[in-house]
């Protein structure tokens, strides 16, 4: 799994990006084209799996772009797909997660019970 973080700046209508702690660079006339070029640059360095990218403006002339390659692509959909592909191991992991959540809820109830009713 590779995580590539880029610092992006706009100067005179041209967007440029340099990798934070790395050598990858790209430039384009729009943020859309810049993000596409950064994804391609990251894929040229690491093509080990699926791609997820985000582009966040910090102010009108600067932004941060992050490209994640490989690993899970976040969200319940990917986790559900991984569990289905994993077979029996996925159901065991789901059961373990439910048990952990139940234990956590029980411990929260114990912490919050002071023996009096605030609203009664």
N, C-alpha and C. Protein backbone atom coordinates (compact mmCIF):
# COMPACT_ATOMS: atom_id res chain seq x y z
N UNK A 1 0.86 -1.18 0.00
CA UNK A 1 0.00 0.00 0.00
C UNK A 1 0.89 1.23 0.00
N UNK A 2 0.58 2.17 -0.86
CA UNK A 2 1.34 3.41 -0.93
C UNK A 2 0.45 4.61 -0.70
N UNK A 3 0.94 5.54 0.10
CA UNK A 3 0.22 6.78 0.35
C UNK A 3 1.10 7.92 -0.16
N UNK A 4 0.56 8.69 -1.07
CA UNK A 4 1.29 9.79 -1.68
C UNK A 4 0.57 11.09 -1.35
N UNK A 5 1.28 12.01 -0.72
CA UNK A 5 0.69 13.30 -0.35
C UNK A 5 1.39 14.39 -1.13
N UNK A 6 0.60 15.27 -1.74
CA UNK A 6 1.14 16.33 -2.58
C UNK A 6 0.68 17.69 -2.07
N UNK A 7 1.60 18.65 -2.11
CA UNK A 7 1.29 20.04 -1.79
C UNK A 7 1.11 20.76 -3.13
N UNK A 8 -0.06 21.37 -3.31
CA UNK A 8 -0.41 21.97 -4.60
C UNK A 8 -0.55 23.48 -4.45
N UNK A 9 -0.04 24.22 -5.44
CA UNK A 9 -0.12 25.68 -5.43
C UNK A 9 -0.49 26.20 -6.81
N UNK A 10 -1.24 27.30 -6.81
CA UNK A 10 -1.63 27.93 -8.05
C UNK A 10 -0.87 29.24 -8.18
N UNK A 11 -0.30 29.46 -9.37
CA UNK A 11 0.42 30.69 -9.63
C UNK A 11 0.15 31.09 -11.08
N UNK A 12 -0.55 32.18 -11.28
CA UNK A 12 -0.82 32.66 -12.63
C UNK A 12 -1.71 31.73 -13.44
N UNK A 13 -2.63 31.03 -12.79
CA UNK A 13 -3.53 30.13 -13.51
C UNK A 13 -2.98 28.74 -13.73
N UNK A 14 -1.75 28.49 -13.35
CA UNK A 14 -1.14 27.17 -13.50
C UNK A 14 -1.01 26.52 -12.12
N UNK A 15 -1.50 25.30 -11.98
CA UNK A 15 -1.39 24.55 -10.74
C UNK A 15 -0.17 23.65 -10.79
N UNK A 16 0.65 23.68 -9.75
CA UNK A 16 1.81 22.80 -9.64
C UNK A 16 1.70 22.00 -8.35
N UNK A 17 2.26 20.81 -8.35
CA UNK A 17 2.22 19.96 -7.17
C UNK A 17 3.56 19.27 -6.98
N UNK A 18 3.99 19.22 -5.73
CA UNK A 18 5.21 18.50 -5.37
C UNK A 18 4.88 17.54 -4.24
N UNK A 19 5.44 16.34 -4.35
CA UNK A 19 5.18 15.34 -3.33
C UNK A 19 5.83 15.73 -2.02
N UNK A 20 5.06 15.60 -0.94
CA UNK A 20 5.61 15.82 0.39
C UNK A 20 6.48 14.62 0.72
N UNK A 21 7.74 14.85 0.99
CA UNK A 21 8.71 13.79 1.28
C UNK A 21 8.84 12.82 0.11
N UNK A 22 9.08 13.36 -1.07
CA UNK A 22 9.27 12.53 -2.25
C UNK A 22 9.66 13.36 -3.45
N UNK A 23 9.81 12.70 -4.60
CA UNK A 23 10.30 13.36 -5.80
C UNK A 23 9.26 13.55 -6.89
N UNK A 24 8.05 13.06 -6.69
CA UNK A 24 7.04 13.16 -7.74
C UNK A 24 6.52 14.59 -7.86
N UNK A 25 6.27 15.03 -9.10
CA UNK A 25 5.77 16.37 -9.37
C UNK A 25 4.81 16.31 -10.56
N UNK A 26 3.95 17.32 -10.64
CA UNK A 26 3.05 17.44 -11.79
C UNK A 26 2.57 18.88 -11.87
N UNK A 27 2.07 19.26 -13.05
CA UNK A 27 1.47 20.59 -13.21
C UNK A 27 0.36 20.49 -14.24
N UNK A 28 -0.62 21.39 -14.11
CA UNK A 28 -1.77 21.39 -15.02
C UNK A 28 -2.46 22.73 -14.93
N UNK A 29 -3.37 22.97 -15.86
CA UNK A 29 -4.08 24.25 -15.89
C UNK A 29 -5.32 24.26 -15.00
N UNK A 30 -5.78 23.07 -14.52
CA UNK A 30 -6.95 23.02 -13.64
C UNK A 30 -6.69 22.01 -12.53
N UNK A 31 -7.45 22.14 -11.45
CA UNK A 31 -7.28 21.21 -10.34
C UNK A 31 -7.71 19.79 -10.75
N UNK A 32 -8.71 19.70 -11.60
CA UNK A 32 -9.16 18.38 -12.07
C UNK A 32 -8.04 17.67 -12.82
N UNK A 33 -7.43 18.37 -13.78
CA UNK A 33 -6.33 17.77 -14.55
C UNK A 33 -5.13 17.47 -13.66
N UNK A 34 -4.88 18.34 -12.68
CA UNK A 34 -3.75 18.11 -11.77
C UNK A 34 -3.97 16.83 -10.97
N UNK A 35 -5.16 16.64 -10.45
CA UNK A 35 -5.43 15.44 -9.67
C UNK A 35 -5.26 14.19 -10.52
N UNK A 36 -5.75 14.23 -11.76
CA UNK A 36 -5.58 13.08 -12.66
C UNK A 36 -4.10 12.79 -12.92
N UNK A 37 -3.30 13.84 -13.12
CA UNK A 37 -1.87 13.64 -13.35
C UNK A 37 -1.17 13.10 -12.11
N UNK A 38 -1.61 13.55 -10.93
CA UNK A 38 -0.99 13.06 -9.69
C UNK A 38 -1.31 11.59 -9.46
N UNK A 39 -2.52 11.19 -9.80
CA UNK A 39 -2.88 9.77 -9.69
C UNK A 39 -2.00 8.95 -10.63
N UNK A 40 -1.81 9.42 -11.86
CA UNK A 40 -0.97 8.70 -12.82
C UNK A 40 0.48 8.63 -12.34
N UNK A 41 0.97 9.74 -11.76
CA UNK A 41 2.34 9.75 -11.25
C UNK A 41 2.50 8.76 -10.11
N UNK A 42 1.52 8.72 -9.21
CA UNK A 42 1.58 7.78 -8.09
C UNK A 42 1.50 6.34 -8.60
N UNK A 43 0.65 6.09 -9.59
CA UNK A 43 0.55 4.74 -10.16
C UNK A 43 1.84 4.30 -10.83
N UNK A 44 2.58 5.25 -11.39
CA UNK A 44 3.85 4.88 -12.02
C UNK A 44 4.88 4.46 -10.97
N UNK A 45 4.71 4.96 -9.73
CA UNK A 45 5.63 4.59 -8.66
C UNK A 45 5.17 3.33 -7.92
N UNK A 46 3.85 3.09 -7.86
CA UNK A 46 3.31 1.94 -7.12
C UNK A 46 1.98 1.56 -7.75
N UNK A 47 1.95 0.39 -8.37
CA UNK A 47 0.71 -0.05 -9.01
C UNK A 47 0.21 -1.34 -8.36
N UNK A 48 0.21 -1.37 -7.02
CA UNK A 48 -0.09 -2.60 -6.29
C UNK A 48 -1.57 -2.84 -6.02
N UNK A 49 -2.46 -1.97 -6.45
CA UNK A 49 -3.87 -2.23 -6.18
C UNK A 49 -4.76 -1.09 -6.61
N UNK A 50 -5.93 -1.03 -5.98
CA UNK A 50 -6.92 0.00 -6.30
C UNK A 50 -6.44 1.39 -5.90
N UNK A 51 -7.10 2.39 -6.44
CA UNK A 51 -6.68 3.78 -6.22
C UNK A 51 -7.81 4.57 -5.58
N UNK A 52 -7.44 5.38 -4.59
CA UNK A 52 -8.37 6.33 -3.98
C UNK A 52 -7.64 7.65 -3.91
N UNK A 53 -8.30 8.74 -4.28
CA UNK A 53 -7.64 10.04 -4.22
C UNK A 53 -8.58 11.09 -3.65
N UNK A 54 -7.98 12.11 -3.05
CA UNK A 54 -8.77 13.24 -2.55
C UNK A 54 -8.00 14.51 -2.84
N UNK A 55 -8.75 15.57 -3.05
CA UNK A 55 -8.16 16.88 -3.35
C UNK A 55 -8.89 17.90 -2.50
N UNK A 56 -8.17 18.58 -1.60
CA UNK A 56 -8.80 19.53 -0.68
C UNK A 56 -8.14 20.89 -0.79
N UNK A 57 -8.93 21.90 -1.12
CA UNK A 57 -8.42 23.26 -1.14
C UNK A 57 -8.19 23.75 0.29
N UNK A 58 -7.02 24.31 0.53
CA UNK A 58 -6.71 24.89 1.83
C UNK A 58 -7.08 26.36 1.82
N UNK A 59 -6.78 27.01 0.73
CA UNK A 59 -7.21 28.38 0.46
C UNK A 59 -7.33 28.47 -1.07
N UNK A 60 -7.78 29.58 -1.63
CA UNK A 60 -8.02 29.61 -3.08
C UNK A 60 -6.81 29.26 -3.96
N UNK A 61 -5.59 29.44 -3.45
CA UNK A 61 -4.41 29.19 -4.29
C UNK A 61 -3.53 28.06 -3.78
N UNK A 62 -4.01 27.28 -2.80
CA UNK A 62 -3.22 26.13 -2.36
C UNK A 62 -4.15 24.98 -1.96
N UNK A 63 -3.62 23.78 -2.08
CA UNK A 63 -4.42 22.59 -1.81
C UNK A 63 -3.52 21.43 -1.42
N UNK A 64 -4.14 20.37 -0.94
CA UNK A 64 -3.44 19.13 -0.63
C UNK A 64 -4.15 18.02 -1.39
N UNK A 65 -3.36 17.19 -2.05
CA UNK A 65 -3.90 16.04 -2.77
C UNK A 65 -3.27 14.79 -2.18
N UNK A 66 -4.10 13.80 -1.91
CA UNK A 66 -3.59 12.54 -1.38
C UNK A 66 -4.06 11.41 -2.28
N UNK A 67 -3.13 10.53 -2.63
CA UNK A 67 -3.43 9.37 -3.46
C UNK A 67 -3.04 8.13 -2.66
N UNK A 68 -4.00 7.22 -2.49
CA UNK A 68 -3.75 5.98 -1.76
C UNK A 68 -3.88 4.84 -2.76
N UNK A 69 -2.86 3.99 -2.81
CA UNK A 69 -2.85 2.87 -3.73
C UNK A 69 -2.75 1.58 -2.94
N UNK A 70 -3.63 0.64 -3.26
CA UNK A 70 -3.64 -0.64 -2.56
C UNK A 70 -4.42 -0.55 -1.28
N UNK A 71 -4.46 -1.64 -0.53
CA UNK A 71 -5.21 -1.66 0.72
C UNK A 71 -6.69 -1.55 0.47
N UNK A 72 -7.46 -1.41 1.56
CA UNK A 72 -8.91 -1.23 1.45
C UNK A 72 -9.20 0.18 1.00
N UNK A 73 -10.26 0.35 0.25
CA UNK A 73 -10.59 1.69 -0.24
C UNK A 73 -11.60 2.38 0.65
N UNK A 74 -11.65 2.00 1.92
CA UNK A 74 -12.50 2.68 2.88
C UNK A 74 -13.97 2.41 2.69
N UNK A 75 -14.74 2.69 3.70
CA UNK A 75 -16.18 2.54 3.61
C UNK A 75 -16.64 1.12 3.86
N UNK A 76 -17.91 0.98 4.19
CA UNK A 76 -18.48 -0.32 4.50
C UNK A 76 -18.54 -1.24 3.30
N UNK A 77 -18.68 -0.69 2.11
CA UNK A 77 -18.80 -1.51 0.91
C UNK A 77 -17.56 -2.35 0.70
N UNK A 78 -16.40 -1.74 0.78
CA UNK A 78 -15.15 -2.47 0.57
C UNK A 78 -14.93 -3.49 1.66
N UNK A 79 -15.24 -3.14 2.90
CA UNK A 79 -15.06 -4.07 4.00
C UNK A 79 -16.00 -5.26 3.84
N UNK A 80 -17.23 -5.01 3.41
CA UNK A 80 -18.18 -6.09 3.18
C UNK A 80 -17.72 -7.01 2.06
N UNK A 81 -17.19 -6.43 1.01
CA UNK A 81 -16.68 -7.24 -0.10
C UNK A 81 -15.52 -8.09 0.33
N UNK A 82 -14.64 -7.54 1.16
CA UNK A 82 -13.50 -8.30 1.66
C UNK A 82 -13.94 -9.45 2.53
N UNK A 83 -14.95 -9.24 3.36
CA UNK A 83 -15.44 -10.30 4.23
C UNK A 83 -16.08 -11.41 3.40
N UNK A 84 -16.82 -11.04 2.36
CA UNK A 84 -17.46 -12.05 1.52
C UNK A 84 -16.40 -12.84 0.76
N UNK A 85 -15.36 -12.18 0.31
CA UNK A 85 -14.31 -12.87 -0.42
C UNK A 85 -13.48 -13.74 0.50
N UNK A 86 -13.40 -13.36 1.78
CA UNK A 86 -12.58 -14.10 2.73
C UNK A 86 -13.19 -15.41 3.16
N UNK A 87 -14.46 -15.64 2.95
CA UNK A 87 -15.10 -16.89 3.34
C UNK A 87 -15.38 -16.92 4.82
N UNK A 88 -15.07 -18.06 5.46
CA UNK A 88 -15.38 -18.26 6.87
C UNK A 88 -14.66 -17.28 7.78
N UNK A 89 -13.48 -16.85 7.43
CA UNK A 89 -12.73 -15.91 8.27
C UNK A 89 -13.46 -14.60 8.44
N UNK A 90 -14.20 -14.18 7.43
CA UNK A 90 -14.93 -12.92 7.51
C UNK A 90 -16.02 -12.97 8.56
N UNK A 91 -16.73 -14.10 8.65
CA UNK A 91 -17.81 -14.19 9.63
C UNK A 91 -17.24 -14.25 11.04
N UNK A 92 -16.09 -14.90 11.23
CA UNK A 92 -15.46 -14.93 12.55
C UNK A 92 -15.02 -13.53 12.97
N UNK A 93 -14.48 -12.77 12.03
CA UNK A 93 -14.05 -11.41 12.34
C UNK A 93 -15.24 -10.54 12.69
N UNK A 94 -16.36 -10.72 11.97
CA UNK A 94 -17.56 -9.94 12.25
C UNK A 94 -18.09 -10.27 13.64
N UNK A 95 -18.08 -11.55 14.01
CA UNK A 95 -18.55 -11.96 15.33
C UNK A 95 -17.67 -11.37 16.42
N UNK A 96 -16.35 -11.37 16.19
CA UNK A 96 -15.43 -10.80 17.17
C UNK A 96 -15.66 -9.31 17.33
N UNK A 97 -15.93 -8.62 16.22
CA UNK A 97 -16.19 -7.18 16.28
C UNK A 97 -17.46 -6.90 17.07
N UNK A 98 -18.51 -7.71 16.85
CA UNK A 98 -19.76 -7.52 17.59
C UNK A 98 -19.55 -7.74 19.08
N UNK A 99 -18.73 -8.74 19.43
CA UNK A 99 -18.46 -9.00 20.85
C UNK A 99 -17.72 -7.83 21.48
N UNK A 100 -16.76 -7.25 20.75
CA UNK A 100 -16.00 -6.10 21.26
C UNK A 100 -16.92 -4.91 21.47
N UNK A 101 -17.84 -4.68 20.52
CA UNK A 101 -18.78 -3.57 20.65
C UNK A 101 -19.69 -3.76 21.85
N UNK A 102 -20.15 -5.01 22.07
CA UNK A 102 -21.03 -5.30 23.19
C UNK A 102 -20.29 -5.05 24.51
N UNK A 103 -19.03 -5.50 24.60
CA UNK A 103 -18.24 -5.28 25.81
C UNK A 103 -18.03 -3.78 26.05
N UNK A 104 -17.79 -3.04 24.98
CA UNK A 104 -17.58 -1.60 25.11
C UNK A 104 -18.85 -0.91 25.62
N UNK A 105 -20.01 -1.31 25.07
CA UNK A 105 -21.27 -0.72 25.52
C UNK A 105 -21.52 -1.04 26.99
N UNK A 106 -21.23 -2.28 27.41
CA UNK A 106 -21.43 -2.65 28.81
C UNK A 106 -20.52 -1.84 29.72
N UNK A 107 -19.27 -1.62 29.31
CA UNK A 107 -18.35 -0.86 30.16
C UNK A 107 -18.77 0.61 30.22
N UNK A 108 -19.32 1.15 29.14
CA UNK A 108 -19.80 2.53 29.16
C UNK A 108 -21.00 2.66 30.09
N UNK A 109 -21.89 1.64 30.11
CA UNK A 109 -23.04 1.67 31.00
C UNK A 109 -22.59 1.64 32.45
N UNK A 110 -21.59 0.82 32.76
CA UNK A 110 -21.09 0.71 34.12
C UNK A 110 -20.47 2.03 34.57
N UNK A 111 -19.73 2.70 33.68
CA UNK A 111 -19.09 3.96 34.02
C UNK A 111 -20.11 5.05 34.30
N UNK A 112 -21.23 5.05 33.57
CA UNK A 112 -22.20 6.12 33.67
C UNK A 112 -23.25 5.92 34.76
N UNK A 113 -23.28 4.78 35.45
CA UNK A 113 -24.31 4.48 36.44
C UNK A 113 -23.82 4.92 37.82
N UNK A 114 -24.36 6.06 38.30
CA UNK A 114 -23.95 6.58 39.61
C UNK A 114 -25.02 6.35 40.67
N UNK A 115 -26.10 5.62 40.35
CA UNK A 115 -27.09 5.27 41.33
C UNK A 115 -28.15 6.34 41.57
N UNK A 116 -28.24 7.34 40.71
CA UNK A 116 -29.31 8.32 40.86
C UNK A 116 -29.85 8.68 39.48
N UNK A 117 -31.07 9.19 39.46
CA UNK A 117 -31.74 9.55 38.21
C UNK A 117 -31.72 11.06 38.06
N UNK A 118 -31.00 11.56 37.10
CA UNK A 118 -30.85 13.00 36.91
C UNK A 118 -32.15 13.68 36.52
N UNK A 119 -33.01 12.99 35.78
CA UNK A 119 -34.23 13.60 35.27
C UNK A 119 -35.47 13.16 36.05
N UNK A 120 -35.34 12.36 37.08
CA UNK A 120 -36.52 11.82 37.78
C UNK A 120 -37.00 12.63 38.94
